[in-house]
N, C-alpha and C. Protein backbone atom coordinates (compact mmCIF):
# COMPACT_ATOMS: atom_id res chain seq x y z
N MET A 1 -59.86 -120.51 -146.59
CA MET A 1 -58.75 -121.48 -146.95
C MET A 1 -57.52 -121.30 -145.94
N ILE A 2 -57.14 -121.98 -145.27
CA ILE A 2 -56.33 -121.79 -144.70
C ILE A 2 -54.38 -122.18 -145.53
N SER A 3 -53.77 -120.97 -145.37
CA SER A 3 -52.49 -121.39 -145.91
C SER A 3 -51.48 -122.12 -145.43
N ALA A 4 -50.85 -122.59 -146.23
CA ALA A 4 -49.72 -124.09 -145.84
C ALA A 4 -48.86 -123.74 -144.41
N GLN A 5 -48.67 -122.64 -144.33
CA GLN A 5 -47.61 -122.06 -143.08
C GLN A 5 -48.51 -121.97 -141.96
N MET A 6 -49.66 -121.49 -142.09
CA MET A 6 -50.71 -121.71 -140.87
C MET A 6 -51.10 -123.28 -140.36
N LYS A 7 -51.16 -124.16 -141.58
CA LYS A 7 -51.00 -125.73 -141.01
C LYS A 7 -50.23 -126.27 -140.13
N ASN A 8 -49.02 -125.90 -140.69
CA ASN A 8 -47.77 -125.79 -140.20
C ASN A 8 -47.54 -125.61 -139.05
N THR A 9 -48.04 -124.50 -138.69
CA THR A 9 -48.09 -123.70 -137.35
C THR A 9 -49.16 -124.65 -136.82
N TYR A 10 -50.20 -125.04 -137.18
CA TYR A 10 -51.04 -125.47 -135.78
C TYR A 10 -50.30 -126.99 -135.59
N THR A 11 -49.85 -127.79 -136.67
CA THR A 11 -49.11 -129.16 -136.52
C THR A 11 -48.00 -129.02 -135.25
N GLU A 12 -47.43 -127.58 -135.07
CA GLU A 12 -46.11 -127.70 -134.48
C GLU A 12 -46.76 -127.48 -133.08
N VAL A 13 -47.66 -126.44 -133.05
CA VAL A 13 -48.42 -126.03 -131.48
C VAL A 13 -48.68 -127.44 -131.09
N TYR A 14 -49.66 -127.98 -132.08
CA TYR A 14 -50.34 -129.78 -131.68
C TYR A 14 -49.45 -130.57 -130.70
N VAL A 15 -48.07 -130.78 -131.79
CA VAL A 15 -46.63 -131.52 -130.87
C VAL A 15 -46.51 -131.07 -129.87
N ILE A 16 -46.07 -129.80 -129.47
CA ILE A 16 -45.48 -129.29 -128.52
C ILE A 16 -46.49 -129.57 -127.17
N LEU A 17 -47.97 -128.88 -127.48
CA LEU A 17 -48.57 -128.92 -126.07
C LEU A 17 -48.77 -130.64 -125.81
N LYS A 18 -49.01 -131.35 -126.86
CA LYS A 18 -49.33 -132.90 -126.50
C LYS A 18 -48.26 -133.43 -125.85
N LYS A 19 -46.57 -132.93 -126.18
CA LYS A 19 -45.65 -133.64 -125.52
C LYS A 19 -45.55 -133.02 -123.85
N LEU A 20 -45.97 -131.63 -123.98
CA LEU A 20 -46.24 -130.87 -122.52
C LEU A 20 -47.08 -131.48 -121.64
N ASN A 21 -48.09 -132.43 -122.19
CA ASN A 21 -49.44 -132.71 -121.53
C ASN A 21 -50.10 -131.13 -121.07
N LEU A 22 -50.21 -130.70 -121.97
CA LEU A 22 -51.32 -129.67 -121.89
C LEU A 22 -52.08 -129.63 -122.59
N ILE A 23 -52.35 -130.54 -123.82
CA ILE A 23 -53.38 -130.69 -124.68
C ILE A 23 -54.75 -130.94 -124.07
N SER A 24 -54.99 -131.39 -122.88
CA SER A 24 -56.38 -131.66 -122.43
C SER A 24 -56.75 -130.95 -121.80
N LYS A 25 -56.06 -129.40 -121.12
CA LYS A 25 -55.99 -128.06 -120.69
C LYS A 25 -56.69 -127.61 -121.30
N LEU A 26 -56.98 -127.61 -122.98
CA LEU A 26 -57.68 -126.74 -123.92
C LEU A 26 -58.93 -126.96 -124.08
N PRO A 27 -59.67 -126.36 -124.51
CA PRO A 27 -61.31 -126.90 -124.58
C PRO A 27 -61.23 -127.56 -125.97
N ASP A 28 -62.14 -128.39 -126.20
CA ASP A 28 -62.55 -129.13 -127.27
C ASP A 28 -62.40 -128.87 -128.34
N THR A 29 -62.73 -127.38 -128.56
CA THR A 29 -63.02 -126.56 -130.14
C THR A 29 -61.77 -126.26 -130.59
N ILE A 30 -60.61 -125.90 -129.46
CA ILE A 30 -59.45 -125.30 -129.85
C ILE A 30 -58.66 -126.66 -130.34
N ILE A 31 -58.97 -127.88 -129.68
CA ILE A 31 -58.31 -129.16 -129.91
C ILE A 31 -58.78 -129.71 -130.96
N ASP A 32 -60.10 -129.32 -131.64
CA ASP A 32 -60.43 -129.71 -132.97
C ASP A 32 -59.99 -129.16 -133.99
N LEU A 33 -59.65 -128.10 -133.81
CA LEU A 33 -59.46 -127.05 -135.13
C LEU A 33 -57.74 -127.20 -135.04
N LEU A 34 -56.83 -127.74 -134.36
CA LEU A 34 -55.74 -128.37 -134.19
C LEU A 34 -55.67 -129.35 -135.12
N LEU A 35 -56.63 -130.19 -134.62
CA LEU A 35 -56.38 -131.89 -135.48
C LEU A 35 -56.92 -131.47 -136.68
N GLN A 36 -57.86 -130.78 -137.34
CA GLN A 36 -58.75 -130.75 -138.28
C GLN A 36 -57.87 -130.04 -139.29
N GLU A 37 -57.08 -128.81 -139.18
CA GLU A 37 -56.01 -127.98 -139.72
C GLU A 37 -54.90 -128.37 -139.83
N LYS A 38 -54.33 -129.16 -139.03
CA LYS A 38 -52.99 -129.48 -138.91
C LYS A 38 -52.66 -129.95 -140.32
N ASN A 39 -50.69 -129.92 -140.65
CA ASN A 39 -50.73 -130.54 -141.79
C ASN A 39 -50.30 -131.98 -141.33
N SER A 40 -50.49 -132.65 -141.78
CA SER A 40 -50.26 -134.16 -141.77
C SER A 40 -48.91 -134.48 -142.40
N LYS A 41 -48.80 -133.78 -143.49
CA LYS A 41 -46.98 -134.37 -143.45
C LYS A 41 -46.24 -133.28 -143.50
N HIS A 42 -46.59 -132.51 -142.41
CA HIS A 42 -45.14 -131.65 -142.20
C HIS A 42 -45.15 -132.42 -140.51
N SER A 43 -43.36 -132.75 -140.48
CA SER A 43 -42.98 -133.60 -139.44
C SER A 43 -42.28 -132.47 -138.17
N PHE A 44 -42.72 -132.34 -136.81
CA PHE A 44 -42.10 -131.41 -136.28
C PHE A 44 -41.42 -132.12 -135.33
N ASP A 45 -40.25 -132.09 -134.85
CA ASP A 45 -39.82 -133.04 -133.52
C ASP A 45 -39.51 -132.14 -132.59
N PHE A 46 -40.07 -132.08 -131.29
CA PHE A 46 -39.65 -131.68 -130.06
C PHE A 46 -39.10 -132.03 -129.41
N ASN A 47 -38.05 -131.61 -128.57
CA ASN A 47 -37.31 -132.41 -127.61
C ASN A 47 -37.13 -131.85 -126.26
N LEU A 48 -37.99 -132.41 -125.59
CA LEU A 48 -37.98 -131.93 -124.23
C LEU A 48 -36.87 -131.15 -123.43
N GLU A 49 -35.16 -131.69 -123.79
CA GLU A 49 -34.28 -131.18 -122.92
C GLU A 49 -34.03 -130.08 -123.72
N ASP A 50 -34.50 -129.71 -124.76
CA ASP A 50 -33.55 -128.33 -125.32
C ASP A 50 -34.78 -126.94 -124.91
N PRO A 51 -34.17 -125.90 -125.13
CA PRO A 51 -35.46 -124.70 -124.80
C PRO A 51 -36.26 -124.88 -125.98
N LEU A 52 -37.31 -124.47 -125.79
CA LEU A 52 -38.72 -124.23 -126.59
C LEU A 52 -38.24 -123.47 -127.91
N TYR A 53 -37.33 -121.74 -127.27
CA TYR A 53 -37.03 -121.22 -127.93
C TYR A 53 -36.38 -121.36 -129.41
N GLU A 54 -35.05 -122.45 -129.00
CA GLU A 54 -34.32 -122.83 -130.15
C GLU A 54 -35.07 -123.89 -131.16
N GLN A 55 -36.17 -124.13 -130.87
CA GLN A 55 -36.51 -125.37 -131.73
C GLN A 55 -37.77 -124.49 -132.47
N ILE A 56 -38.38 -123.66 -132.31
CA ILE A 56 -39.50 -123.11 -133.14
C ILE A 56 -38.79 -121.95 -133.72
N GLU A 57 -38.99 -121.88 -135.19
CA GLU A 57 -38.61 -121.12 -136.08
C GLU A 57 -39.46 -120.24 -136.53
N ASN A 58 -40.87 -120.67 -136.66
CA ASN A 58 -41.77 -119.96 -136.81
C ASN A 58 -42.36 -118.68 -135.64
N VAL A 59 -42.67 -117.95 -136.11
CA VAL A 59 -43.38 -116.53 -135.52
C VAL A 59 -44.85 -116.97 -135.18
N ASP A 60 -45.21 -117.27 -136.01
CA ASP A 60 -46.88 -117.89 -135.78
C ASP A 60 -46.96 -118.94 -134.76
N THR A 61 -46.09 -119.72 -134.33
CA THR A 61 -45.99 -120.79 -133.73
C THR A 61 -46.15 -120.22 -132.26
N ILE A 62 -45.13 -119.41 -131.93
CA ILE A 62 -44.60 -118.47 -130.99
C ILE A 62 -45.99 -117.98 -130.58
N SER A 63 -46.36 -116.95 -131.29
CA SER A 63 -47.67 -116.45 -131.27
C SER A 63 -48.71 -117.06 -130.46
N LEU A 64 -49.28 -118.16 -131.51
CA LEU A 64 -50.42 -118.89 -131.05
C LEU A 64 -50.21 -119.70 -129.54
N ILE A 65 -49.00 -119.96 -129.17
CA ILE A 65 -48.83 -120.58 -127.91
C ILE A 65 -48.64 -119.64 -126.71
N SER A 66 -48.40 -118.66 -127.26
CA SER A 66 -48.49 -117.68 -126.03
C SER A 66 -49.71 -117.26 -125.82
N TYR A 67 -50.85 -116.92 -127.01
CA TYR A 67 -51.93 -116.71 -126.74
C TYR A 67 -52.46 -118.00 -126.08
N LEU A 68 -52.46 -118.88 -126.25
CA LEU A 68 -53.04 -120.16 -125.47
C LEU A 68 -52.86 -120.35 -124.43
N TYR A 69 -51.42 -119.82 -123.85
CA TYR A 69 -50.82 -120.05 -122.35
C TYR A 69 -51.70 -119.07 -121.73
N VAL A 70 -51.87 -117.87 -122.23
CA VAL A 70 -52.66 -116.51 -121.76
C VAL A 70 -53.71 -116.94 -121.76
N LYS A 71 -54.56 -117.32 -122.58
CA LYS A 71 -56.07 -117.50 -122.39
C LYS A 71 -56.71 -119.27 -121.45
N TYR A 72 -55.77 -120.17 -121.69
CA TYR A 72 -56.44 -121.40 -121.42
C TYR A 72 -55.19 -121.45 -120.32
N LEU A 73 -53.96 -121.95 -120.68
CA LEU A 73 -53.54 -122.70 -119.42
C LEU A 73 -52.97 -121.77 -118.35
N CYS A 74 -52.64 -120.70 -117.97
CA CYS A 74 -52.09 -119.81 -117.31
C CYS A 74 -53.01 -120.04 -116.16
N GLU A 75 -52.71 -120.26 -115.04
CA GLU A 75 -53.77 -120.44 -113.74
C GLU A 75 -53.04 -119.34 -112.48
N ASP A 76 -52.33 -118.77 -112.98
CA ASP A 76 -51.91 -117.88 -111.92
C ASP A 76 -51.95 -116.58 -112.34
N SER A 77 -53.53 -116.17 -112.23
CA SER A 77 -53.46 -114.49 -112.09
C SER A 77 -52.24 -113.53 -112.43
N GLU A 78 -51.76 -113.54 -110.82
CA GLU A 78 -50.60 -112.14 -111.39
C GLU A 78 -49.82 -112.42 -112.47
N GLU A 79 -49.47 -113.85 -112.85
CA GLU A 79 -48.66 -113.90 -113.95
C GLU A 79 -49.51 -113.72 -115.37
N LYS A 80 -50.51 -113.80 -115.14
CA LYS A 80 -51.38 -114.10 -116.94
C LYS A 80 -52.00 -112.12 -116.30
N GLN A 81 -52.14 -111.33 -115.71
CA GLN A 81 -51.70 -110.21 -115.75
C GLN A 81 -50.46 -109.19 -116.26
N TRP A 82 -49.51 -109.58 -115.95
CA TRP A 82 -48.22 -109.77 -115.94
C TRP A 82 -47.92 -109.82 -117.50
N LEU A 83 -47.75 -111.13 -117.73
CA LEU A 83 -47.97 -111.19 -119.25
C LEU A 83 -48.75 -109.99 -120.46
N ILE A 84 -50.03 -110.01 -119.73
CA ILE A 84 -50.91 -109.01 -120.65
C ILE A 84 -49.98 -107.79 -120.62
N SER A 85 -49.74 -107.37 -119.63
CA SER A 85 -49.41 -106.28 -119.92
C SER A 85 -47.98 -105.81 -120.25
N LYS A 86 -47.11 -107.22 -120.51
CA LYS A 86 -45.91 -107.10 -121.32
C LYS A 86 -46.01 -106.76 -122.59
N TYR A 87 -47.49 -108.08 -123.53
CA TYR A 87 -47.95 -107.47 -124.47
C TYR A 87 -48.42 -106.30 -124.82
N LYS A 88 -49.26 -105.72 -124.00
CA LYS A 88 -49.30 -103.93 -124.31
C LYS A 88 -48.26 -103.56 -124.89
N GLU A 89 -47.71 -103.57 -123.88
CA GLU A 89 -46.33 -102.51 -123.85
C GLU A 89 -45.53 -102.89 -125.11
N ASN A 90 -45.25 -104.23 -125.62
CA ASN A 90 -44.61 -104.70 -126.63
C ASN A 90 -45.53 -104.14 -127.79
N GLU A 91 -46.92 -103.84 -127.98
CA GLU A 91 -47.31 -103.28 -129.13
C GLU A 91 -47.22 -101.86 -129.20
N VAL A 92 -47.36 -101.28 -127.95
CA VAL A 92 -47.15 -99.95 -127.68
C VAL A 92 -45.93 -99.73 -128.49
N LYS A 93 -44.68 -100.37 -127.94
CA LYS A 93 -43.43 -100.00 -128.65
C LYS A 93 -43.39 -100.00 -130.36
N HIS A 94 -43.93 -101.29 -130.38
CA HIS A 94 -44.45 -101.52 -132.14
C HIS A 94 -44.71 -100.82 -132.87
N GLN A 95 -46.09 -100.02 -132.12
CA GLN A 95 -46.76 -99.01 -133.05
C GLN A 95 -46.10 -98.00 -133.10
N GLN A 96 -45.25 -97.73 -132.06
CA GLN A 96 -44.43 -96.47 -132.11
C GLN A 96 -43.13 -96.35 -132.95
N ASN A 97 -42.63 -97.48 -133.42
CA ASN A 97 -41.60 -97.62 -133.85
C ASN A 97 -42.10 -97.48 -135.46
N LEU A 98 -43.49 -98.12 -135.62
CA LEU A 98 -44.06 -97.99 -137.12
C LEU A 98 -44.26 -96.54 -137.31
N GLN A 99 -44.62 -95.95 -136.21
CA GLN A 99 -45.34 -94.40 -136.17
C GLN A 99 -44.11 -93.54 -136.50
N GLU A 100 -43.12 -93.90 -135.96
CA GLU A 100 -41.38 -93.31 -136.44
C GLU A 100 -41.28 -93.40 -137.88
N LYS A 101 -40.96 -94.83 -138.29
CA LYS A 101 -40.43 -95.49 -139.50
C LYS A 101 -41.36 -94.40 -140.81
N TYR A 102 -42.89 -94.69 -140.76
CA TYR A 102 -43.40 -94.48 -141.80
C TYR A 102 -44.66 -92.86 -141.74
N ASP A 103 -43.72 -92.14 -140.82
CA ASP A 103 -44.14 -90.65 -140.39
C ASP A 103 -43.86 -90.26 -141.69
N VAL A 104 -44.62 -89.20 -142.28
CA VAL A 104 -44.68 -88.64 -143.46
C VAL A 104 -43.52 -87.70 -143.24
N GLU A 105 -43.53 -86.63 -142.62
CA GLU A 105 -42.40 -86.11 -142.54
C GLU A 105 -40.94 -86.53 -142.09
N ASN A 106 -40.84 -87.51 -141.70
CA ASN A 106 -39.53 -88.20 -141.35
C ASN A 106 -39.48 -88.92 -142.51
N ILE A 107 -40.16 -89.50 -143.44
CA ILE A 107 -39.74 -89.98 -144.80
C ILE A 107 -39.09 -88.94 -145.96
N PHE A 108 -39.80 -88.09 -145.73
CA PHE A 108 -39.24 -86.75 -146.64
C PHE A 108 -37.85 -85.94 -146.26
N LYS A 109 -37.77 -86.36 -145.02
CA LYS A 109 -36.28 -85.28 -144.21
C LYS A 109 -35.44 -86.43 -144.49
N SER A 110 -35.63 -87.96 -144.30
CA SER A 110 -34.59 -88.91 -144.92
C SER A 110 -34.40 -88.42 -146.12
N ARG A 111 -35.13 -88.40 -146.68
CA ARG A 111 -35.13 -88.50 -148.29
C ARG A 111 -34.26 -87.06 -148.58
N ILE A 112 -34.32 -86.32 -147.94
CA ILE A 112 -33.82 -84.84 -148.48
C ILE A 112 -32.44 -85.08 -148.11
N SER A 113 -32.10 -85.31 -146.86
CA SER A 113 -30.56 -85.49 -146.03
C SER A 113 -30.17 -86.59 -146.86
N GLU A 114 -30.59 -87.67 -147.56
CA GLU A 114 -29.70 -88.61 -148.25
C GLU A 114 -29.58 -88.00 -149.80
N SER A 115 -30.18 -87.26 -149.93
CA SER A 115 -30.05 -86.65 -151.29
C SER A 115 -28.97 -85.29 -151.10
N VAL A 116 -29.28 -84.40 -150.61
CA VAL A 116 -27.82 -83.70 -149.96
C VAL A 116 -26.96 -84.40 -149.94
N GLN A 117 -26.61 -85.69 -148.98
CA GLN A 117 -25.21 -86.21 -148.83
C GLN A 117 -24.93 -86.58 -149.67
N GLN A 118 -25.66 -87.24 -151.21
CA GLN A 118 -25.16 -87.83 -152.35
C GLN A 118 -24.91 -86.88 -153.01
N ALA A 119 -25.19 -85.71 -153.18
CA ALA A 119 -25.27 -85.16 -154.72
C ALA A 119 -23.70 -84.21 -154.14
N PRO A 120 -22.87 -84.10 -154.83
CA PRO A 120 -21.46 -83.04 -154.41
C PRO A 120 -21.62 -82.09 -154.89
N ILE A 121 -21.18 -81.22 -154.06
CA ILE A 121 -21.46 -79.46 -153.99
C ILE A 121 -20.03 -79.21 -155.18
N ILE A 122 -20.87 -78.40 -156.25
CA ILE A 122 -19.73 -78.23 -157.66
C ILE A 122 -19.80 -76.43 -157.42
N VAL A 123 -18.66 -76.11 -157.28
CA VAL A 123 -18.60 -74.57 -157.30
C VAL A 123 -17.94 -74.37 -158.37
N HIS A 124 -18.69 -73.21 -159.41
CA HIS A 124 -18.49 -72.66 -160.57
C HIS A 124 -17.97 -71.25 -160.33
N LYS A 125 -16.62 -71.15 -160.93
CA LYS A 125 -16.47 -69.75 -160.39
C LYS A 125 -16.25 -68.71 -161.93
N GLU A 126 -16.85 -68.11 -161.58
CA GLU A 126 -17.53 -67.03 -162.55
C GLU A 126 -15.68 -66.47 -163.09
N ARG A 127 -15.41 -66.45 -164.17
CA ARG A 127 -14.15 -65.59 -164.53
C ARG A 127 -14.43 -64.13 -164.62
N ASN A 128 -13.41 -63.62 -164.23
CA ASN A 128 -13.38 -62.07 -163.90
C ASN A 128 -13.37 -61.41 -165.36
N ILE A 129 -13.69 -60.43 -165.52
CA ILE A 129 -13.79 -59.57 -167.28
C ILE A 129 -12.43 -59.30 -167.82
N PHE A 130 -11.06 -59.49 -166.90
CA PHE A 130 -10.00 -59.44 -167.52
C PHE A 130 -9.37 -60.95 -167.78
N GLN A 131 -9.80 -61.56 -167.48
CA GLN A 131 -9.24 -63.24 -167.38
C GLN A 131 -10.25 -63.59 -168.99
N ARG A 132 -11.26 -62.92 -168.86
CA ARG A 132 -12.32 -63.45 -170.07
C ARG A 132 -11.47 -62.52 -171.33
N PHE A 133 -11.24 -61.15 -171.00
CA PHE A 133 -10.46 -60.64 -171.98
C PHE A 133 -8.91 -61.15 -172.50
N PHE A 134 -8.36 -61.57 -171.38
CA PHE A 134 -6.94 -62.26 -171.94
C PHE A 134 -7.27 -63.83 -172.57
N ASP A 135 -7.93 -64.30 -172.48
CA ASP A 135 -8.50 -65.97 -172.96
C ASP A 135 -8.82 -65.12 -174.44
N ARG A 136 -9.46 -64.40 -174.63
CA ARG A 136 -9.92 -64.15 -176.06
C ARG A 136 -8.81 -63.63 -176.88
N PHE A 137 -7.85 -62.68 -176.31
CA PHE A 137 -6.59 -62.32 -176.54
C PHE A 137 -5.54 -63.40 -177.43
N ILE A 138 -5.65 -64.39 -176.72
CA ILE A 138 -4.59 -65.27 -176.80
C ILE A 138 -5.49 -66.25 -177.96
N SER A 139 -6.66 -66.73 -177.47
CA SER A 139 -7.27 -67.09 -178.29
C SER A 139 -7.43 -66.61 -180.13
N PHE A 140 -7.23 -65.55 -180.42
CA PHE A 140 -7.22 -64.72 -181.27
C PHE A 140 -5.71 -65.08 -182.35
N PHE A 141 -4.65 -65.01 -181.46
CA PHE A 141 -3.38 -65.22 -182.05
C PHE A 141 -3.41 -66.38 -182.01
N LYS A 142 -3.49 -67.55 -181.45
CA LYS A 142 -3.82 -68.78 -181.66
C LYS A 142 -4.29 -69.13 -183.50
N LYS A 143 -5.62 -68.27 -183.16
CA LYS A 143 -6.16 -68.55 -184.46
C LYS A 143 -5.25 -68.24 -186.00
N LYS A 144 -5.11 -67.11 -185.44
CA LYS A 144 -3.89 -66.78 -186.49
C LYS A 144 -2.70 -67.43 -186.96
N LYS A 145 -2.24 -68.03 -185.91
CA LYS A 145 -1.11 -69.00 -186.21
C LYS A 145 -1.63 -70.40 -186.88
N ASN A 146 -2.64 -70.54 -186.71
CA ASN A 146 -3.41 -72.01 -187.44
C ASN A 146 -3.25 -71.68 -189.13
N TYR A 147 -3.90 -70.17 -189.46
CA TYR A 147 -4.17 -69.87 -190.77
C TYR A 147 -2.67 -69.93 -191.58
N ARG A 148 -1.55 -69.19 -191.17
CA ARG A 148 -0.82 -69.26 -191.52
C ARG A 148 0.18 -70.23 -192.05
N SER A 149 0.01 -71.36 -191.09
CA SER A 149 0.71 -73.07 -191.34
C SER A 149 -0.22 -74.08 -192.37
């Protein structure tokens, strides 16, 4: 079963390709899939005068259009190779970011550094023997005063 978001994606892709008169360049199986799985209740207004990236909010729609463009609609082989290389570069960058983000050593380093920064350093100064003696001496006389009153 296809999710509602994916059905909306199929609807948006179908509307965009139809408005651009590119739907006829796709194979019949792809057109049938778009028609069968699109959400008839989802309305998407595509304006040819506005840029495409401003009208599409769904990332899946952008992905599907870019895939269909590279696979079926792009006729220039140099452009196709350039796009494929860009997609590969982006994927490598994405994987590197994920590797850095979820690297075990980095996770623990960041947690340790956060805990060190958050914990205030408390300096406990031990009193020397003379201070302790003096404090006891004074406390002894304070107790005696309390008994007399």
